[in-house]
Amino acid sequence: MPRLARFTLGAKIDRLFLETIELMLIAGYTQRERKLIIVQQASAKLDTLKFFLKVSWQTKSLQSKKYAELSAPVTEIGKMLGGWHKQLHNE
């Protein structure tokens, strides 16, 4: 993969990480009525992040070891967001 494409993909992944964290922080301080929507947005960002991490691994822009190191916490965050979503949806 060309260097510029790897850089662009890396920048996209970095931005998605930050946007996901930002949405989770905002959701924590948002009134209950609006919280579900923001948690859904964070979950969508996280799914997009997972996709681009996988693309970067498949194109060999990201080494397998680094992919495994990043995937484990991202998966755990996804489980936490899923639980948060379920709790809010059931209220």
C-alpha atoms as a PDB file:
ATOM      1  CA  MET A   1       0.000   0.000   0.000  1.00  0.00           C
ATOM      2  CA  PRO A   2       1.393   3.436  -0.896  1.00  0.00           C
ATOM      3  CA  ARG A   3       2.750   5.504   1.969  1.00  0.00           C
ATOM      4  CA  LEU A   4       0.186   8.290   1.560  1.00  0.00           C
ATOM      5  CA  ALA A   5      -2.693   5.801   1.693  1.00  0.00           C
ATOM      6  CA  ARG A   6      -1.285   4.285   4.909  1.00  0.00           C
ATOM      7  CA  PHE A   7      -0.933   7.741   6.420  1.00  0.00           C
ATOM      8  CA  THR A   8      -4.480   8.665   5.422  1.00  0.00           C
ATOM      9  CA  LEU A   9      -5.847   5.405   6.816  1.00  0.00           C
ATOM     10  CA  GLY A  10      -3.927   5.923  10.054  1.00  0.00           C
ATOM     11  CA  ALA A  11      -5.261   9.462  10.382  1.00  0.00           C
ATOM     12  CA  LYS A  12      -8.804   8.166   9.824  1.00  0.00           C
ATOM     13  CA  ILE A  13      -8.339   5.535  12.547  1.00  0.00           C
ATOM     14  CA  ASP A  14      -6.912   8.126  14.960  1.00  0.00           C
ATOM     15  CA  ARG A  15      -9.860  10.450  14.304  1.00  0.00           C
ATOM     16  CA  LEU A  16     -12.378   7.633  14.847  1.00  0.00           C
ATOM     17  CA  PHE A  17     -10.727   6.704  18.163  1.00  0.00           C
ATOM     18  CA  LEU A  18     -10.985  10.309  19.348  1.00  0.00           C
ATOM     19  CA  GLU A  19     -14.562  10.767  18.119  1.00  0.00           C
ATOM     20  CA  THR A  20     -15.661   7.561  19.871  1.00  0.00           C
ATOM     21  CA  ILE A  21     -14.054   8.620  23.146  1.00  0.00           C
ATOM     22  CA  GLU A  22     -15.572  12.088  22.817  1.00  0.00           C
ATOM     23  CA  LEU A  23     -19.080  10.686  22.260  1.00  0.00           C
ATOM     24  CA  MET A  24     -18.726   8.363  25.248  1.00  0.00           C
ATOM     25  CA  LEU A  25     -17.648  11.291  27.436  1.00  0.00           C
ATOM     26  CA  ILE A  26     -20.543  13.421  26.196  1.00  0.00           C
ATOM     27  CA  ALA A  27     -22.991  10.565  26.806  1.00  0.00           C
ATOM     28  CA  GLY A  28     -21.799  10.314  30.392  1.00  0.00           C
ATOM     29  CA  TYR A  29     -22.785  13.938  31.039  1.00  0.00           C
ATOM     30  CA  THR A  30     -25.933  14.071  28.905  1.00  0.00           C
ATOM     31  CA  GLN A  31     -29.466  14.006  30.255  1.00  0.00           C
ATOM     32  CA  ARG A  32     -31.063  10.584  30.213  1.00  0.00           C
ATOM     33  CA  GLU A  33     -33.549  11.496  27.454  1.00  0.00           C
ATOM     34  CA  ARG A  34     -30.754  12.175  24.934  1.00  0.00           C
ATOM     35  CA  LYS A  35     -28.201   9.649  26.161  1.00  0.00           C
ATOM     36  CA  LEU A  36     -29.428   6.707  24.036  1.00  0.00           C
ATOM     37  CA  ILE A  37     -28.903   8.604  20.783  1.00  0.00           C
ATOM     38  CA  ILE A  38     -25.352   9.555  21.708  1.00  0.00           C
ATOM     39  CA  VAL A  39     -24.500   6.009  22.813  1.00  0.00           C
ATOM     40  CA  GLN A  40     -25.816   4.778  19.446  1.00  0.00           C
ATOM     41  CA  GLN A  41     -23.580   7.300  17.682  1.00  0.00           C
ATOM     42  CA  ALA A  42     -20.571   6.155  19.720  1.00  0.00           C
ATOM     43  CA  SER A  43     -21.355   2.550  18.858  1.00  0.00           C
ATOM     44  CA  ALA A  44     -21.552   3.384  15.146  1.00  0.00           C
ATOM     45  CA  LYS A  45     -18.199   5.191  15.334  1.00  0.00           C
ATOM     46  CA  LEU A  46     -16.675   2.201  17.090  1.00  0.00           C
ATOM     47  CA  ASP A  47     -17.985  -0.172  14.411  1.00  0.00           C
ATOM     48  CA  THR A  48     -16.464   2.086  11.758  1.00  0.00           C
ATOM     49  CA  LEU A  49     -13.202   2.086  13.680  1.00  0.00           C
ATOM     50  CA  LYS A  50     -13.207  -1.725  13.786  1.00  0.00           C
ATOM     51  CA  PHE A  51     -13.764  -1.805  10.033  1.00  0.00           C
ATOM     52  CA  PHE A  52     -10.844   0.496   9.276  1.00  0.00           C
ATOM     53  CA  LEU A  53      -8.566  -1.352  11.682  1.00  0.00           C
ATOM     54  CA  LYS A  54      -9.368  -4.560   9.823  1.00  0.00           C
ATOM     55  CA  VAL A  55      -8.764  -2.893   6.452  1.00  0.00           C
ATOM     56  CA  SER A  56      -5.402  -1.595   7.631  1.00  0.00           C
ATOM     57  CA  TRP A  57      -4.462  -5.076   8.843  1.00  0.00           C
ATOM     58  CA  GLN A  58      -5.629  -6.764   5.627  1.00  0.00           C
ATOM     59  CA  THR A  59      -3.647  -4.318   3.494  1.00  0.00           C
ATOM     60  CA  LYS A  60      -0.616  -4.953   5.691  1.00  0.00           C
ATOM     61  CA  SER A  61      -0.527  -1.320   6.834  1.00  0.00           C
ATOM     62  CA  LEU A  62      -0.841  -2.619  10.381  1.00  0.00           C
ATOM     63  CA  GLN A  63       1.193  -5.539  11.699  1.00  0.00           C
ATOM     64  CA  SER A  64      -0.679  -8.546  13.069  1.00  0.00           C
ATOM     65  CA  LYS A  65       0.733  -8.050  16.569  1.00  0.00           C
ATOM     66  CA  LYS A  66      -0.384  -4.401  16.679  1.00  0.00           C
ATOM     67  CA  TYR A  67      -3.785  -5.339  15.261  1.00  0.00           C
ATOM     68  CA  ALA A  68      -4.258  -7.903  18.034  1.00  0.00           C
ATOM     69  CA  GLU A  69      -3.155  -5.381  20.678  1.00  0.00           C
ATOM     70  CA  LEU A  70      -5.683  -2.828  19.414  1.00  0.00           C
ATOM     71  CA  SER A  71      -8.533  -5.225  18.713  1.00  0.00           C
ATOM     72  CA  ALA A  72      -8.839  -6.611  22.243  1.00  0.00           C
ATOM     73  CA  PRO A  73      -9.605  -3.300  24.010  1.00  0.00           C
ATOM     74  CA  VAL A  74     -11.757  -2.104  21.094  1.00  0.00           C
ATOM     75  CA  THR A  75     -13.834  -5.278  21.388  1.00  0.00           C
ATOM     76  CA  GLU A  76     -14.156  -4.758  25.148  1.00  0.00           C
ATOM     77  CA  ILE A  77     -15.292  -1.165  24.625  1.00  0.00           C
ATOM     78  CA  GLY A  78     -17.872  -2.471  22.152  1.00  0.00           C
ATOM     79  CA  LYS A  79     -19.231  -4.854  24.774  1.00  0.00           C
ATOM     80  CA  MET A  80     -19.473  -2.031  27.308  1.00  0.00           C
ATOM     81  CA  LEU A  81     -21.234   0.236  24.821  1.00  0.00           C
ATOM     82  CA  GLY A  82     -23.608  -2.602  23.945  1.00  0.00           C
ATOM     83  CA  GLY A  83     -24.469  -3.083  27.611  1.00  0.00           C
ATOM     84  CA  TRP A  84     -24.974   0.649  28.076  1.00  0.00           C
ATOM     85  CA  HIS A  85     -27.212   0.744  25.001  1.00  0.00           C
ATOM     86  CA  LYS A  86     -29.276  -2.209  26.225  1.00  0.00           C
ATOM     87  CA  GLN A  87     -29.716  -0.645  29.663  1.00  0.00           C
ATOM     88  CA  LEU A  88     -30.845   2.680  28.198  1.00  0.00           C
ATOM     89  CA  HIS A  89     -33.133   1.005  25.679  1.00  0.00           C
ATOM     90  CA  ASN A  90     -34.873  -1.020  28.416  1.00  0.00           C
ATOM     91  CA  GLU A  91     -35.550   2.017  30.623  1.00  0.00           C
END
